[in-house]
């Protein structure tokens, strides 16, 4: 498991896209997360529990962020009991189910059957920025339709049901996001490396 100093040193030495891709695969997605250190079996059952809920493969569920590294890969702060467990799902069929809902919603905006106030519009635009990159974030969905409210409520209720010592991960808040596929997840995290590198060099 990489430590903060080695992580920083490795990032600033990355010279091309191939090296960044290997770094992303090796550190962001490969291996047992810090929160499950020496608990490989528990990590499997935690992933399977989420996979079964959404009817996807357990290998399409992974932990990212500070609970993966043991520190925030962006802020470089240590993982603590106050940290969240960030889970990402990768599944094209599941993503397309949400895409159909979002598409119908967009058509209703286009035909002015749905109108957004400035706050709703701002949040929805942020949602779309992630969505076109292949990342569906329920936390950013406007809550001005029954369908969106139910979608977000169902999503939140499940992740709450495996938070606060109600699952193998322990006494943490678990949050989830959905990528269209592993390809889009890797692309997103790989794209953040340049920003992280600039931050490290400026300090």
Protein backbone atom coordinates (compact mmCIF):
# COMPACT_ATOMS: atom_id res chain seq x y z
CA UNK A 1 0.00 0.00 0.00
CA UNK A 2 1.47 3.33 -1.09
CA UNK A 3 2.07 6.11 1.47
CA UNK A 4 1.46 9.83 0.90
CA UNK A 5 5.09 10.75 0.16
CA UNK A 6 5.60 7.91 -2.32
CA UNK A 7 2.26 8.74 -3.94
CA UNK A 8 3.25 12.37 -4.45
CA UNK A 9 6.74 11.50 -5.71
CA UNK A 10 5.33 8.98 -8.18
CA UNK A 11 2.74 11.39 -9.56
CA UNK A 12 5.14 14.24 -10.32
CA UNK A 13 7.38 11.84 -12.26
CA UNK A 14 4.60 10.70 -14.62
CA UNK A 15 5.53 11.85 -18.12
CA UNK A 16 2.91 10.54 -20.53
CA UNK A 17 -0.62 9.16 -20.80
CA UNK A 18 0.54 5.55 -20.70
CA UNK A 19 2.32 6.09 -17.38
CA UNK A 20 -0.73 7.91 -16.01
CA UNK A 21 -2.99 5.04 -17.07
CA UNK A 22 -0.77 2.46 -15.35
CA UNK A 23 -0.59 4.62 -12.22
CA UNK A 24 -4.39 4.98 -12.15
CA UNK A 25 -4.98 1.26 -12.61
CA UNK A 26 -2.39 0.28 -10.01
CA UNK A 27 -3.29 2.75 -7.26
CA UNK A 28 -6.92 3.76 -7.77
CA UNK A 29 -8.41 0.38 -8.65
CA UNK A 30 -6.01 -2.46 -7.89
CA UNK A 31 -5.60 -4.08 -4.50
CA UNK A 32 -7.42 -4.20 -1.18
CA UNK A 33 -8.60 -0.79 0.17
CA UNK A 34 -6.96 0.54 3.34
CA UNK A 35 -10.27 0.32 5.19
CA UNK A 36 -10.29 -3.44 4.49
CA UNK A 37 -6.60 -4.00 5.20
CA UNK A 38 -6.08 -7.67 6.20
CA UNK A 39 -9.83 -8.26 5.65
CA UNK A 40 -9.96 -9.47 2.06
CA UNK A 41 -12.93 -11.77 2.62
CA UNK A 42 -14.96 -8.97 4.19
CA UNK A 43 -14.20 -6.75 1.19
CA UNK A 44 -15.56 -9.42 -1.15
CA UNK A 45 -18.80 -9.77 0.83
CA UNK A 46 -19.19 -5.98 1.04
CA UNK A 47 -18.84 -5.69 -2.74
CA UNK A 48 -21.17 -8.62 -3.36
CA UNK A 49 -23.83 -7.09 -1.11
CA UNK A 50 -23.85 -3.97 -3.28
CA UNK A 51 -23.63 -5.94 -6.51
CA UNK A 52 -26.60 -8.12 -5.55
CA UNK A 53 -28.68 -5.04 -4.78
CA UNK A 54 -28.11 -3.61 -8.26
CA UNK A 55 -27.92 -6.98 -10.04
CA UNK A 56 -24.38 -6.48 -11.33
CA UNK A 57 -21.11 -8.41 -10.89
CA UNK A 58 -19.13 -8.00 -7.65
CA UNK A 59 -16.09 -7.03 -9.78
CA UNK A 60 -18.15 -4.03 -10.97
CA UNK A 61 -18.09 -2.56 -7.46
CA UNK A 62 -14.99 -0.90 -6.01
CA UNK A 63 -13.96 1.44 -3.23
CA UNK A 64 -12.09 4.61 -4.21
CA UNK A 65 -10.86 7.76 -2.48
CA UNK A 66 -9.37 8.07 0.99
CA UNK A 67 -10.76 4.75 2.19
CA UNK A 68 -8.88 3.08 -0.68
CA UNK A 69 -5.55 4.85 -0.13
CA UNK A 70 -5.65 5.51 3.60
CA UNK A 71 -5.43 9.22 2.71
CA UNK A 72 -7.21 11.57 0.35
CA UNK A 73 -5.58 11.33 -3.10
CA UNK A 74 -6.58 14.97 -3.69
CA UNK A 75 -6.32 16.77 -0.32
CA UNK A 76 -3.60 14.47 1.12
CA UNK A 77 -5.43 14.32 4.45
CA UNK A 78 -5.46 11.04 6.38
CA UNK A 79 -8.42 8.68 6.35
CA UNK A 80 -10.25 8.86 9.69
CA UNK A 81 -13.44 7.61 11.33
CA UNK A 82 -15.11 10.80 10.07
CA UNK A 83 -14.28 9.96 6.45
CA UNK A 84 -16.85 8.59 4.02
CA UNK A 85 -16.55 5.33 2.13
CA UNK A 86 -16.78 6.19 -1.58
CA UNK A 87 -18.04 3.32 -3.70
CA UNK A 88 -18.19 3.30 -7.49
CA UNK A 89 -20.25 0.95 -9.62
CA UNK A 90 -19.52 0.24 -13.29
CA UNK A 91 -22.30 -1.22 -15.39
CA UNK A 92 -23.52 -0.13 -18.80
CA UNK A 93 -27.02 -1.65 -18.53
CA UNK A 94 -27.65 0.01 -15.15
CA UNK A 95 -26.31 3.31 -16.47
CA UNK A 96 -28.55 3.10 -19.54
CA UNK A 97 -31.60 2.62 -17.31
CA UNK A 98 -30.82 5.98 -15.71
CA UNK A 99 -29.96 7.48 -19.09
CA UNK A 100 -33.49 6.76 -20.33
CA UNK A 101 -34.95 8.57 -17.30
CA UNK A 102 -32.61 11.55 -17.76
CA UNK A 103 -33.37 11.70 -21.48
CA UNK A 104 -37.13 11.84 -20.86
CA UNK A 105 -36.57 14.56 -18.27
CA UNK A 106 -34.49 16.61 -20.73
CA UNK A 107 -37.25 16.39 -23.34
CA UNK A 108 -39.74 17.69 -20.80
CA UNK A 109 -37.46 20.66 -20.14
CA UNK A 110 -37.13 21.23 -23.87
CA UNK A 111 -40.90 21.32 -24.35
CA UNK A 112 -41.26 23.44 -21.17
CA UNK A 113 -43.38 20.83 -19.41
CA UNK A 114 -40.79 21.12 -16.64
CA UNK A 115 -39.32 24.46 -15.59
CA UNK A 116 -36.28 24.83 -13.35
CA UNK A 117 -35.58 27.71 -11.02
CA UNK A 118 -32.05 29.11 -10.97
CA UNK A 119 -30.89 26.87 -8.13
CA UNK A 120 -32.35 23.73 -9.74
CA UNK A 121 -30.86 24.67 -13.10
CA UNK A 122 -27.40 25.18 -11.61
CA UNK A 123 -27.51 21.80 -9.88
CA UNK A 124 -28.82 20.05 -12.97
CA UNK A 125 -26.06 21.57 -15.11
CA UNK A 126 -23.50 20.22 -12.67
CA UNK A 127 -25.18 16.81 -12.85
CA UNK A 128 -24.98 16.88 -16.66
CA UNK A 129 -21.30 17.80 -16.60
CA UNK A 130 -20.57 14.56 -14.77
CA UNK A 131 -23.17 12.59 -16.72
CA UNK A 132 -21.63 13.30 -20.13
CA UNK A 133 -18.32 12.00 -18.73
CA UNK A 134 -20.04 8.70 -17.99
CA UNK A 135 -20.64 9.29 -14.27
CA UNK A 136 -24.18 9.29 -12.85
CA UNK A 137 -24.37 11.12 -9.51
CA UNK A 138 -27.82 10.79 -7.85
CA UNK A 139 -26.85 13.41 -5.25
CA UNK A 140 -26.96 16.08 -7.97
CA UNK A 141 -30.35 15.19 -9.44
CA UNK A 142 -32.97 17.99 -9.18
CA UNK A 143 -35.69 16.96 -6.76
CA UNK A 144 -38.58 18.53 -8.69
CA UNK A 145 -40.20 15.36 -10.04
CA UNK A 146 -41.63 12.34 -8.24
CA UNK A 147 -39.49 10.04 -10.38
CA UNK A 148 -36.24 11.77 -9.42
CA UNK A 149 -37.25 11.95 -5.77
CA UNK A 150 -37.97 8.22 -5.69
CA UNK A 151 -34.78 7.42 -7.59
CA UNK A 152 -32.60 9.38 -5.18
CA UNK A 153 -34.49 8.13 -2.12
CA UNK A 154 -34.10 4.49 -3.15
CA UNK A 155 -30.41 5.03 -3.90
CA UNK A 156 -29.74 6.84 -0.61
CA UNK A 157 -31.74 4.37 1.47
CA UNK A 158 -29.70 1.45 0.23
CA UNK A 159 -26.34 3.06 0.97
CA UNK A 160 -27.61 4.15 4.39
CA UNK A 161 -28.58 0.53 5.00
CA UNK A 162 -24.90 -0.49 4.71
CA UNK A 163 -23.55 2.50 6.66
CA UNK A 164 -22.93 2.97 10.41
CA UNK A 165 -21.72 -0.56 11.22
CA UNK A 166 -24.54 -2.19 9.24
CA UNK A 167 -22.11 -3.88 6.86
CA UNK A 168 -18.61 -5.34 6.71
CA UNK A 169 -16.98 -1.93 6.16
CA UNK A 170 -17.61 -0.72 9.72
CA UNK A 171 -18.87 2.48 11.33
CA UNK A 172 -18.71 4.81 8.33
CA UNK A 173 -21.08 6.58 5.97
CA UNK A 174 -21.13 4.80 2.61
CA UNK A 175 -21.80 6.79 -0.57
CA UNK A 176 -22.15 5.50 -4.10
CA UNK A 177 -21.83 6.71 -7.66
CA UNK A 178 -22.34 4.95 -10.99
CA UNK A 179 -20.08 4.94 -14.04
CA UNK A 180 -21.20 3.71 -17.46
CA UNK A 181 -18.26 1.29 -17.47
CA UNK A 182 -14.82 0.79 -15.98
CA UNK A 183 -13.41 2.63 -19.01
CA UNK A 184 -15.17 5.86 -18.01
CA UNK A 185 -14.16 5.50 -14.36
CA UNK A 186 -10.51 5.02 -15.24
CA UNK A 187 -10.67 7.93 -17.70
CA UNK A 188 -12.17 10.22 -15.06
CA UNK A 189 -9.60 9.42 -12.37
CA UNK A 190 -6.74 9.48 -14.85
CA UNK A 191 -7.79 12.97 -15.96
CA UNK A 192 -7.48 14.22 -12.37
CA UNK A 193 -3.79 13.30 -12.14
CA UNK A 194 -2.64 16.43 -13.96
CA UNK A 195 -4.55 18.60 -11.47
CA UNK A 196 -3.07 16.66 -8.54
CA UNK A 197 0.44 16.99 -10.01
CA UNK A 198 0.08 20.78 -10.32
CA UNK A 199 -1.12 20.99 -6.73
CA UNK A 200 1.87 18.97 -5.47
CA UNK A 201 4.38 21.06 -7.44
CA UNK A 202 2.88 24.34 -6.21
CA UNK A 203 3.27 23.40 -2.52
